[in-house]
Protein backbone atom coordinates (compact mmCIF):
# COMPACT_ATOMS: atom_id res chain seq x y z
CA MET A 1 26.82 -54.49 -5.14
CA ILE A 2 27.88 -51.58 -7.26
CA GLU A 3 25.93 -48.40 -6.50
CA LYS A 4 25.32 -45.88 -9.21
CA GLN A 5 26.56 -42.51 -8.11
CA GLN A 6 24.59 -39.51 -9.21
CA PRO A 7 25.81 -35.94 -8.85
CA ILE A 8 24.10 -33.68 -6.35
CA VAL A 9 22.29 -30.93 -8.18
CA ALA A 10 20.97 -27.79 -6.53
CA LEU A 11 17.28 -27.21 -7.01
CA GLY A 12 16.47 -24.05 -8.88
CA HIS A 13 14.24 -21.49 -7.24
CA SER A 14 10.99 -20.83 -9.00
CA SER A 15 11.00 -17.38 -10.46
CA LYS A 16 7.58 -16.17 -9.41
CA PRO A 17 6.93 -12.54 -10.23
CA LYS A 18 6.60 -10.40 -7.13
CA LYS A 19 3.12 -9.21 -6.37
CA ALA A 20 2.60 -5.58 -7.21
CA ARG A 21 1.37 -3.85 -4.09
CA PRO A 22 -1.02 -0.96 -4.40
CA PRO A 23 0.40 2.34 -3.22
CA ARG A 24 -0.09 3.13 0.44
CA ASN A 25 -2.99 5.28 1.46
CA ASN A 26 -1.11 7.79 3.60
CA LEU A 27 -2.78 10.21 5.99
CA LEU A 28 -2.39 13.75 4.67
CA LEU A 29 -4.40 15.79 7.13
CA SER A 30 -6.24 15.15 10.37
CA LEU A 31 -8.55 17.99 11.35
CA LYS A 32 -10.64 18.36 14.51
CA LYS A 33 -13.11 21.18 14.91
CA ASN A 34 -15.65 21.07 17.74
CA ASP A 35 -17.33 17.66 17.43
CA LEU A 36 -16.22 17.11 13.84
CA GLU A 37 -13.15 15.06 13.01
CA LEU A 38 -11.90 14.77 9.42
CA ASN A 39 -9.07 12.57 8.18
CA PHE A 40 -7.86 13.12 4.63
CA TYR A 41 -5.87 10.37 2.94
CA SER A 42 -3.68 10.49 -0.15
CA SER A 43 -6.20 8.55 -2.25
CA LEU A 44 -8.76 11.36 -1.94
CA ASP A 45 -9.18 13.59 -4.97
CA THR A 46 -7.77 17.06 -4.27
CA GLU A 47 -10.87 18.81 -5.66
CA ILE A 48 -13.12 16.96 -3.24
CA MET A 49 -10.77 17.68 -0.36
CA ASN A 50 -10.77 21.41 -1.19
CA LYS A 51 -14.57 21.52 -1.42
CA LEU A 52 -14.90 19.83 1.97
CA LEU A 53 -12.40 22.17 3.57
CA GLU A 54 -14.19 25.23 2.16
CA LYS A 55 -17.43 24.08 3.78
CA VAL A 56 -15.86 23.21 7.14
CA LEU A 57 -13.39 26.06 7.59
CA PRO A 58 -14.63 29.64 7.61
């Protein structure tokens, strides 16, 4: 019996695009005053953060 020899070929890796991750939501400020605890994250709009801080801090 004569066997047909076939070359060994490496399989190519599929070129899937990497998933785009959303930016991390980092903690910017953690504030505790009396019974109130506020945590401000990087996704928060700076105007809203300033308005909240004006109302909480004297």
